[in-house]
Amino acid sequence: MNGSAPKRRVHIDRIELDLRGLSPAKANEAARALGPALARALAGCAVRIAPAESIDAGTVRTLSTAEAHTLTTAIANRIARKVGGEGR
């Protein structure tokens, strides 16, 4: 044993995003950036195991002019709060 913390893995079967109102380029950029944003948002979270049907991150309202980074950060933080047990 090398004394380092064990690695944690989270498997997400699917994420459904409705990016209506965004340009196709911005929607693609946001979709590509969501994985790394989720990794940052989930770092240090106590992730609870739950069936996908019970985790609904709801709606993240943002301006269509928002940068993809801003949008993905908001989505990732909302998902992290839901799987972290906040339940709101």
PDB file of N, CA and C in Angstrom:
ATOM      1  N   MET A   1       0.842  -1.180   0.000  1.00  0.00           N
ATOM      2  CA  MET A   1       0.000   0.000   0.000  1.00  0.00           C
ATOM      3  C   MET A   1       0.885   1.240   0.000  1.00  0.00           C
ATOM      4  N   ASN A   2       0.583   2.195  -0.835  1.00  0.00           N
ATOM      5  CA  ASN A   2       1.449   3.357  -0.956  1.00  0.00           C
ATOM      6  C   ASN A   2       0.976   4.562  -0.147  1.00  0.00           C
ATOM      7  N   GLY A   3      -0.110   4.446   0.587  1.00  0.00           N
ATOM      8  CA  GLY A   3      -0.562   5.535   1.437  1.00  0.00           C
ATOM      9  C   GLY A   3      -1.398   6.588   0.729  1.00  0.00           C
ATOM     10  N   SER A   4      -1.559   6.475  -0.575  1.00  0.00           N
ATOM     11  CA  SER A   4      -2.385   7.465  -1.273  1.00  0.00           C
ATOM     12  C   SER A   4      -3.857   7.109  -1.121  1.00  0.00           C
ATOM     13  N   ALA A   5      -4.696   8.098  -1.274  1.00  0.00           N
ATOM     14  CA  ALA A   5      -6.133   7.888  -1.150  1.00  0.00           C
ATOM     15  C   ALA A   5      -6.625   7.011  -2.299  1.00  0.00           C
ATOM     16  N   PRO A   6      -7.613   6.157  -2.022  1.00  0.00           N
ATOM     17  CA  PRO A   6      -8.140   5.318  -3.097  1.00  0.00           C
ATOM     18  C   PRO A   6      -8.846   6.174  -4.147  1.00  0.00           C
ATOM     19  N   LYS A   7      -8.757   5.736  -5.390  1.00  0.00           N
ATOM     20  CA  LYS A   7      -9.439   6.455  -6.462  1.00  0.00           C
ATOM     21  C   LYS A   7     -10.921   6.108  -6.430  1.00  0.00           C
ATOM     22  N   ARG A   8     -11.720   7.107  -6.690  1.00  0.00           N
ATOM     23  CA  ARG A   8     -13.161   6.879  -6.741  1.00  0.00           C
ATOM     24  C   ARG A   8     -13.615   7.033  -8.181  1.00  0.00           C
ATOM     25  N   ARG A   9     -14.590   6.238  -8.536  1.00  0.00           N
ATOM     26  CA  ARG A   9     -15.160   6.311  -9.874  1.00  0.00           C
ATOM     27  C   ARG A   9     -16.656   6.505  -9.728  1.00  0.00           C
ATOM     28  N   VAL A  10     -17.194   7.307 -10.585  1.00  0.00           N
ATOM     29  CA  VAL A  10     -18.630   7.490 -10.674  1.00  0.00           C
ATOM     30  C   VAL A  10     -19.021   7.153 -12.098  1.00  0.00           C
ATOM     31  N   HIS A  11     -19.951   6.254 -12.242  1.00  0.00           N
ATOM     32  CA  HIS A  11     -20.429   5.875 -13.571  1.00  0.00           C
ATOM     33  C   HIS A  11     -21.796   6.512 -13.774  1.00  0.00           C
ATOM     34  N   ILE A  12     -21.893   7.348 -14.780  1.00  0.00           N
ATOM     35  CA  ILE A  12     -23.158   7.997 -15.112  1.00  0.00           C
ATOM     36  C   ILE A  12     -23.631   7.386 -16.419  1.00  0.00           C
ATOM     37  N   ASP A  13     -24.754   6.687 -16.347  1.00  0.00           N
ATOM     38  CA  ASP A  13     -25.274   6.005 -17.537  1.00  0.00           C
ATOM     39  C   ASP A  13     -25.699   6.971 -18.618  1.00  0.00           C
ATOM     40  N   ARG A  14     -26.380   8.025 -18.223  1.00  0.00           N
ATOM     41  CA  ARG A  14     -26.829   8.975 -19.234  1.00  0.00           C
ATOM     42  C   ARG A  14     -27.146  10.317 -18.593  1.00  0.00           C
ATOM     43  N   ILE A  15     -26.989  11.327 -19.384  1.00  0.00           N
ATOM     44  CA  ILE A  15     -27.385  12.677 -19.008  1.00  0.00           C
ATOM     45  C   ILE A  15     -28.176  13.223 -20.189  1.00  0.00           C
ATOM     46  N   GLU A  16     -29.362  13.682 -19.907  1.00  0.00           N
ATOM     47  CA  GLU A  16     -30.178  14.275 -20.950  1.00  0.00           C
ATOM     48  C   GLU A  16     -30.112  15.785 -20.809  1.00  0.00           C
ATOM     49  N   LEU A  17     -29.684  16.443 -21.857  1.00  0.00           N
ATOM     50  CA  LEU A  17     -29.576  17.896 -21.863  1.00  0.00           C
ATOM     51  C   LEU A  17     -30.468  18.472 -22.945  1.00  0.00           C
ATOM     52  N   ASP A  18     -31.181  19.506 -22.598  1.00  0.00           N
ATOM     53  CA  ASP A  18     -31.958  20.254 -23.584  1.00  0.00           C
ATOM     54  C   ASP A  18     -31.266  21.601 -23.708  1.00  0.00           C
ATOM     55  N   LEU A  19     -30.520  21.772 -24.751  1.00  0.00           N
ATOM     56  CA  LEU A  19     -29.745  22.993 -24.944  1.00  0.00           C
ATOM     57  C   LEU A  19     -30.412  23.908 -25.966  1.00  0.00           C
ATOM     58  N   ARG A  20     -31.724  23.854 -25.950  1.00  0.00           N
ATOM     59  CA  ARG A  20     -32.512  24.696 -26.857  1.00  0.00           C
ATOM     60  C   ARG A  20     -32.140  26.165 -26.664  1.00  0.00           C
ATOM     61  N   GLY A  21     -32.004  26.870 -27.748  1.00  0.00           N
ATOM     62  CA  GLY A  21     -31.688  28.287 -27.675  1.00  0.00           C
ATOM     63  C   GLY A  21     -30.206  28.592 -27.821  1.00  0.00           C
ATOM     64  N   LEU A  22     -29.379  27.556 -27.703  1.00  0.00           N
ATOM     65  CA  LEU A  22     -27.949  27.751 -27.907  1.00  0.00           C
ATOM     66  C   LEU A  22     -27.599  27.453 -29.349  1.00  0.00           C
ATOM     67  N   SER A  23     -26.577  28.098 -29.832  1.00  0.00           N
ATOM     68  CA  SER A  23     -26.105  27.778 -31.181  1.00  0.00           C
ATOM     69  C   SER A  23     -25.553  26.358 -31.175  1.00  0.00           C
ATOM     70  N   PRO A  24     -25.580  25.677 -32.317  1.00  0.00           N
ATOM     71  CA  PRO A  24     -25.019  24.323 -32.363  1.00  0.00           C
ATOM     72  C   PRO A  24     -23.563  24.269 -31.889  1.00  0.00           C
ATOM     73  N   ALA A  25     -22.768  25.252 -32.247  1.00  0.00           N
ATOM     74  CA  ALA A  25     -21.357  25.264 -31.833  1.00  0.00           C
ATOM     75  C   ALA A  25     -21.240  25.385 -30.316  1.00  0.00           C
ATOM     76  N   LYS A  26     -22.033  26.265 -29.718  1.00  0.00           N
ATOM     77  CA  LYS A  26     -21.975  26.441 -28.265  1.00  0.00           C
ATOM     78  C   LYS A  26     -22.531  25.214 -27.539  1.00  0.00           C
ATOM     79  N   ALA A  27     -23.572  24.596 -28.077  1.00  0.00           N
ATOM     80  CA  ALA A  27     -24.123  23.379 -27.477  1.00  0.00           C
ATOM     81  C   ALA A  27     -23.091  22.252 -27.515  1.00  0.00           C
ATOM     82  N   ASN A  28     -22.388  22.097 -28.639  1.00  0.00           N
ATOM     83  CA  ASN A  28     -21.334  21.074 -28.736  1.00  0.00           C
ATOM     84  C   ASN A  28     -20.207  21.358 -27.756  1.00  0.00           C
ATOM     85  N   GLU A  29     -19.804  22.604 -27.659  1.00  0.00           N
ATOM     86  CA  GLU A  29     -18.737  22.977 -26.726  1.00  0.00           C
ATOM     87  C   GLU A  29     -19.157  22.680 -25.285  1.00  0.00           C
ATOM     88  N   ALA A  30     -20.386  23.010 -24.947  1.00  0.00           N
ATOM     89  CA  ALA A  30     -20.890  22.754 -23.595  1.00  0.00           C
ATOM     90  C   ALA A  30     -20.942  21.254 -23.304  1.00  0.00           C
ATOM     91  N   ALA A  31     -21.408  20.471 -24.265  1.00  0.00           N
ATOM     92  CA  ALA A  31     -21.491  19.022 -24.079  1.00  0.00           C
ATOM     93  C   ALA A  31     -20.104  18.418 -23.866  1.00  0.00           C
ATOM     94  N   ARG A  32     -19.117  18.880 -24.635  1.00  0.00           N
ATOM     95  CA  ARG A  32     -17.743  18.366 -24.478  1.00  0.00           C
ATOM     96  C   ARG A  32     -17.134  18.777 -23.141  1.00  0.00           C
ATOM     97  N   ALA A  33     -17.474  19.946 -22.656  1.00  0.00           N
ATOM     98  CA  ALA A  33     -16.880  20.460 -21.413  1.00  0.00           C
ATOM     99  C   ALA A  33     -17.569  19.926 -20.162  1.00  0.00           C
ATOM    100  N   LEU A  34     -18.712  19.257 -20.318  1.00  0.00           N
ATOM    101  CA  LEU A  34     -19.464  18.815 -19.136  1.00  0.00           C
ATOM    102  C   LEU A  34     -18.717  17.765 -18.315  1.00  0.00           C
ATOM    103  N   GLY A  35     -18.026  16.833 -18.960  1.00  0.00           N
ATOM    104  CA  GLY A  35     -17.292  15.796 -18.219  1.00  0.00           C
ATOM    105  C   GLY A  35     -16.272  16.379 -17.258  1.00  0.00           C
ATOM    106  N   PRO A  36     -15.359  17.215 -17.730  1.00  0.00           N
ATOM    107  CA  PRO A  36     -14.391  17.828 -16.818  1.00  0.00           C
ATOM    108  C   PRO A  36     -15.052  18.714 -15.755  1.00  0.00           C
ATOM    109  N   ALA A  37     -16.131  19.403 -16.126  1.00  0.00           N
ATOM    110  CA  ALA A  37     -16.826  20.243 -15.139  1.00  0.00           C
ATOM    111  C   ALA A  37     -17.459  19.376 -14.050  1.00  0.00           C
ATOM    112  N   LEU A  38     -18.012  18.228 -14.439  1.00  0.00           N
ATOM    113  CA  LEU A  38     -18.570  17.304 -13.444  1.00  0.00           C
ATOM    114  C   LEU A  38     -17.480  16.750 -12.535  1.00  0.00           C
ATOM    115  N   ALA A  39     -16.343  16.411 -13.101  1.00  0.00           N
ATOM    116  CA  ALA A  39     -15.232  15.892 -12.291  1.00  0.00           C
ATOM    117  C   ALA A  39     -14.831  16.918 -11.228  1.00  0.00           C
ATOM    118  N   ARG A  40     -14.741  18.188 -11.610  1.00  0.00           N
ATOM    119  CA  ARG A  40     -14.394  19.232 -10.638  1.00  0.00           C
ATOM    120  C   ARG A  40     -15.489  19.401  -9.592  1.00  0.00           C
ATOM    121  N   ALA A  41     -16.744  19.412 -10.027  1.00  0.00           N
ATOM    122  CA  ALA A  41     -17.858  19.631  -9.104  1.00  0.00           C
ATOM    123  C   ALA A  41     -18.037  18.464  -8.134  1.00  0.00           C
ATOM    124  N   LEU A  42     -17.740  17.256  -8.596  1.00  0.00           N
ATOM    125  CA  LEU A  42     -17.920  16.073  -7.745  1.00  0.00           C
ATOM    126  C   LEU A  42     -16.721  15.786  -6.845  1.00  0.00           C
ATOM    127  N   ALA A  43     -15.599  16.433  -7.091  1.00  0.00           N
ATOM    128  CA  ALA A  43     -14.406  16.213  -6.263  1.00  0.00           C
ATOM    129  C   ALA A  43     -14.738  16.553  -4.817  1.00  0.00           C
ATOM    130  N   GLY A  44     -14.526  15.608  -3.952  1.00  0.00           N
ATOM    131  CA  GLY A  44     -14.767  15.839  -2.535  1.00  0.00           C
ATOM    132  C   GLY A  44     -16.208  15.630  -2.097  1.00  0.00           C
ATOM    133  N   CYS A  45     -17.119  15.346  -3.039  1.00  0.00           N
ATOM    134  CA  CYS A  45     -18.517  15.093  -2.684  1.00  0.00           C
ATOM    135  C   CYS A  45     -18.664  13.678  -2.151  1.00  0.00           C
ATOM    136  N   ALA A  46     -19.550  13.528  -1.208  1.00  0.00           N
ATOM    137  CA  ALA A  46     -19.959  12.199  -0.778  1.00  0.00           C
ATOM    138  C   ALA A  46     -21.105  11.801  -1.691  1.00  0.00           C
ATOM    139  N   VAL A  47     -20.806  11.019  -2.712  1.00  0.00           N
ATOM    140  CA  VAL A  47     -21.793  10.670  -3.722  1.00  0.00           C
ATOM    141  C   VAL A  47     -22.670   9.544  -3.203  1.00  0.00           C
ATOM    142  N   ARG A  48     -23.969   9.741  -3.287  1.00  0.00           N
ATOM    143  CA  ARG A  48     -24.898   8.693  -2.864  1.00  0.00           C
ATOM    144  C   ARG A  48     -25.296   7.877  -4.080  1.00  0.00           C
ATOM    145  N   ILE A  49     -25.519   6.610  -3.850  1.00  0.00           N
ATOM    146  CA  ILE A  49     -25.937   5.719  -4.925  1.00  0.00           C
ATOM    147  C   ILE A  49     -27.455   5.815  -5.027  1.00  0.00           C
ATOM    148  N   ALA A  50     -27.936   6.064  -6.224  1.00  0.00           N
ATOM    149  CA  ALA A  50     -29.375   6.179  -6.439  1.00  0.00           C
ATOM    150  C   ALA A  50     -29.684   5.829  -7.879  1.00  0.00           C
ATOM    151  N   PRO A  51     -30.886   5.293  -8.098  1.00  0.00           N
ATOM    152  CA  PRO A  51     -31.265   5.021  -9.483  1.00  0.00           C
ATOM    153  C   PRO A  51     -31.415   6.325 -10.255  1.00  0.00           C
ATOM    154  N   ALA A  52     -31.098   6.261 -11.529  1.00  0.00           N
ATOM    155  CA  ALA A  52     -31.129   7.459 -12.372  1.00  0.00           C
ATOM    156  C   ALA A  52     -32.470   8.161 -12.334  1.00  0.00           C
ATOM    157  N   GLU A  53     -33.549   7.390 -12.234  1.00  0.00           N
ATOM    158  CA  GLU A  53     -34.878   7.979 -12.250  1.00  0.00           C
ATOM    159  C   GLU A  53     -35.105   8.913 -11.065  1.00  0.00           C
ATOM    160  N   SER A  54     -34.360   8.723 -10.002  1.00  0.00           N
ATOM    161  CA  SER A  54     -34.584   9.536  -8.811  1.00  0.00           C
ATOM    162  C   SER A  54     -33.698  10.778  -8.760  1.00  0.00           C
ATOM    163  N   ILE A  55     -32.812  10.933  -9.714  1.00  0.00           N
ATOM    164  CA  ILE A  55     -31.932  12.097  -9.723  1.00  0.00           C
ATOM    165  C   ILE A  55     -32.315  12.988 -10.894  1.00  0.00           C
ATOM    166  N   ASP A  56     -32.985  14.062 -10.575  1.00  0.00           N
ATOM    167  CA  ASP A  56     -33.382  15.039 -11.588  1.00  0.00           C
ATOM    168  C   ASP A  56     -32.749  16.351 -11.186  1.00  0.00           C
ATOM    169  N   ALA A  57     -31.812  16.806 -11.966  1.00  0.00           N
ATOM    170  CA  ALA A  57     -31.110  18.047 -11.631  1.00  0.00           C
ATOM    171  C   ALA A  57     -31.939  19.281 -11.965  1.00  0.00           C
ATOM    172  N   GLY A  58     -33.090  19.077 -12.568  1.00  0.00           N
ATOM    173  CA  GLY A  58     -33.982  20.193 -12.828  1.00  0.00           C
ATOM    174  C   GLY A  58     -33.505  21.082 -13.964  1.00  0.00           C
ATOM    175  N   THR A  59     -33.881  22.331 -13.871  1.00  0.00           N
ATOM    176  CA  THR A  59     -33.595  23.293 -14.928  1.00  0.00           C
ATOM    177  C   THR A  59     -32.542  24.288 -14.477  1.00  0.00           C
ATOM    178  N   VAL A  60     -31.589  24.514 -15.333  1.00  0.00           N
ATOM    179  CA  VAL A  60     -30.598  25.562 -15.104  1.00  0.00           C
ATOM    180  C   VAL A  60     -30.910  26.654 -16.108  1.00  0.00           C
ATOM    181  N   ARG A  61     -31.347  27.766 -15.612  1.00  0.00           N
ATOM    182  CA  ARG A  61     -31.695  28.878 -16.501  1.00  0.00           C
ATOM    183  C   ARG A  61     -30.468  29.756 -16.715  1.00  0.00           C
ATOM    184  N   THR A  62     -30.207  30.040 -17.964  1.00  0.00           N
ATOM    185  CA  THR A  62     -29.084  30.894 -18.308  1.00  0.00           C
ATOM    186  C   THR A  62     -29.396  31.616 -19.607  1.00  0.00           C
ATOM    187  N   LEU A  63     -28.694  32.645 -19.847  1.00  0.00           N
ATOM    188  CA  LEU A  63     -28.871  33.384 -21.089  1.00  0.00           C
ATOM    189  C   LEU A  63     -28.259  32.607 -22.245  1.00  0.00           C
ATOM    190  N   SER A  64     -28.853  32.701 -23.405  1.00  0.00           N
ATOM    191  CA  SER A  64     -28.298  32.006 -24.571  1.00  0.00           C
ATOM    192  C   SER A  64     -26.938  32.592 -24.955  1.00  0.00           C
ATOM    193  N   THR A  65     -26.634  33.773 -24.437  1.00  0.00           N
ATOM    194  CA  THR A  65     -25.342  34.398 -24.727  1.00  0.00           C
ATOM    195  C   THR A  65     -24.254  33.983 -23.730  1.00  0.00           C
ATOM    196  N   ALA A  66     -24.618  33.175 -22.735  1.00  0.00           N
ATOM    197  CA  ALA A  66     -23.638  32.747 -21.736  1.00  0.00           C
ATOM    198  C   ALA A  66     -22.557  31.902 -22.397  1.00  0.00           C
ATOM    199  N   GLU A  67     -21.369  31.983 -21.852  1.00  0.00           N
ATOM    200  CA  GLU A  67     -20.261  31.159 -22.341  1.00  0.00           C
ATOM    201  C   GLU A  67     -20.519  29.697 -21.984  1.00  0.00           C
ATOM    202  N   ALA A  68     -20.014  28.791 -22.795  1.00  0.00           N
ATOM    203  CA  ALA A  68     -20.197  27.359 -22.550  1.00  0.00           C
ATOM    204  C   ALA A  68     -19.652  26.968 -21.179  1.00  0.00           C
ATOM    205  N   HIS A  69     -18.522  27.548 -20.776  1.00  0.00           N
ATOM    206  CA  HIS A  69     -17.935  27.242 -19.469  1.00  0.00           C
ATOM    207  C   HIS A  69     -18.903  27.601 -18.336  1.00  0.00           C
ATOM    208  N   THR A  70     -19.543  28.738 -18.428  1.00  0.00           N
ATOM    209  CA  THR A  70     -20.501  29.168 -17.405  1.00  0.00           C
ATOM    210  C   THR A  70     -21.673  28.206 -17.336  1.00  0.00           C
ATOM    211  N   LEU A  71     -22.171  27.816 -18.489  1.00  0.00           N
ATOM    212  CA  LEU A  71     -23.289  26.893 -18.557  1.00  0.00           C
ATOM    213  C   LEU A  71     -22.918  25.525 -17.992  1.00  0.00           C
ATOM    214  N   THR A  72     -21.778  24.967 -18.403  1.00  0.00           N
ATOM    215  CA  THR A  72     -21.399  23.633 -17.923  1.00  0.00           C
ATOM    216  C   THR A  72     -21.085  23.649 -16.433  1.00  0.00           C
ATOM    217  N   THR A  73     -20.516  24.729 -15.933  1.00  0.00           N
ATOM    218  CA  THR A  73     -20.262  24.828 -14.497  1.00  0.00           C
ATOM    219  C   THR A  73     -21.578  24.815 -13.728  1.00  0.00           C
ATOM    220  N   ALA A  74     -22.560  25.545 -14.208  1.00  0.00           N
ATOM    221  CA  ALA A  74     -23.869  25.577 -13.543  1.00  0.00           C
ATOM    222  C   ALA A  74     -24.534  24.202 -13.565  1.00  0.00           C
ATOM    223  N   ILE A  75     -24.491  23.529 -14.714  1.00  0.00           N
ATOM    224  CA  ILE A  75     -25.080  22.197 -14.818  1.00  0.00           C
ATOM    225  C   ILE A  75     -24.352  21.215 -13.907  1.00  0.00           C
ATOM    226  N   ALA A  76     -23.032  21.222 -13.944  1.00  0.00           N
ATOM    227  CA  ALA A  76     -22.230  20.299 -13.129  1.00  0.00           C
ATOM    228  C   ALA A  76     -22.469  20.532 -11.639  1.00  0.00           C
ATOM    229  N   ASN A  77     -22.529  21.774 -11.222  1.00  0.00           N
ATOM    230  CA  ASN A  77     -22.773  22.065  -9.805  1.00  0.00           C
ATOM    231  C   ASN A  77     -24.151  21.597  -9.376  1.00  0.00           C
ATOM    232  N   ARG A  78     -25.144  21.756 -10.245  1.00  0.00           N
ATOM    233  CA  ARG A  78     -26.500  21.289  -9.919  1.00  0.00           C
ATOM    234  C   ARG A  78     -26.518  19.770  -9.771  1.00  0.00           C
ATOM    235  N   ILE A  79     -25.870  19.064 -10.689  1.00  0.00           N
ATOM    236  CA  ILE A  79     -25.816  17.602 -10.611  1.00  0.00           C
ATOM    237  C   ILE A  79     -25.075  17.178  -9.350  1.00  0.00           C
ATOM    238  N   ALA A  80     -23.961  17.826  -9.035  1.00  0.00           N
ATOM    239  CA  ALA A  80     -23.183  17.473  -7.842  1.00  0.00           C
ATOM    240  C   ALA A  80     -24.007  17.662  -6.573  1.00  0.00           C
ATOM    241  N   ARG A  81     -24.801  18.712  -6.514  1.00  0.00           N
ATOM    242  CA  ARG A  81     -25.664  18.915  -5.338  1.00  0.00           C
ATOM    243  C   ARG A  81     -26.681  17.806  -5.220  1.00  0.00           C
ATOM    244  N   LYS A  82     -27.245  17.364  -6.349  1.00  0.00           N
ATOM    245  CA  LYS A  82     -28.250  16.301  -6.315  1.00  0.00           C
ATOM    246  C   LYS A  82     -27.653  14.965  -5.903  1.00  0.00           C
ATOM    247  N   VAL A  83     -26.520  14.587  -6.471  1.00  0.00           N
ATOM    248  CA  VAL A  83     -25.935  13.290  -6.121  1.00  0.00           C
ATOM    249  C   VAL A  83     -25.181  13.344  -4.815  1.00  0.00           C
ATOM    250  N   GLY A  84     -24.909  14.536  -4.349  1.00  0.00           N
ATOM    251  CA  GLY A  84     -24.256  14.700  -3.052  1.00  0.00           C
ATOM    252  C   GLY A  84     -25.237  14.655  -1.897  1.00  0.00           C
ATOM    253  N   GLY A  85     -26.506  14.497  -2.197  1.00  0.00           N
ATOM    254  CA  GLY A  85     -27.495  14.292  -1.157  1.00  0.00           C
ATOM    255  C   GLY A  85     -28.238  15.543  -0.729  1.00  0.00           C
ATOM    256  N   GLU A  86     -28.007  16.668  -1.386  1.00  0.00           N
ATOM    257  CA  GLU A  86     -28.694  17.881  -0.977  1.00  0.00           C
ATOM    258  C   GLU A  86     -30.196  17.766  -1.236  1.00  0.00           C
ATOM    259  N   GLY A  87     -30.565  17.119  -2.334  1.00  0.00           N
ATOM    260  CA  GLY A  87     -31.968  16.834  -2.595  1.00  0.00           C
ATOM    261  C   GLY A  87     -32.833  18.008  -2.981  1.00  0.00           C
ATOM    262  N   ARG A  88     -32.271  19.115  -3.322  1.00  0.00           N
ATOM    263  CA  ARG A  88     -33.086  20.263  -3.736  1.00  0.00           C
ATOM    264  C   ARG A  88     -33.075  20.409  -5.229  1.00  0.00           C
TER     265      ARG A  88
END
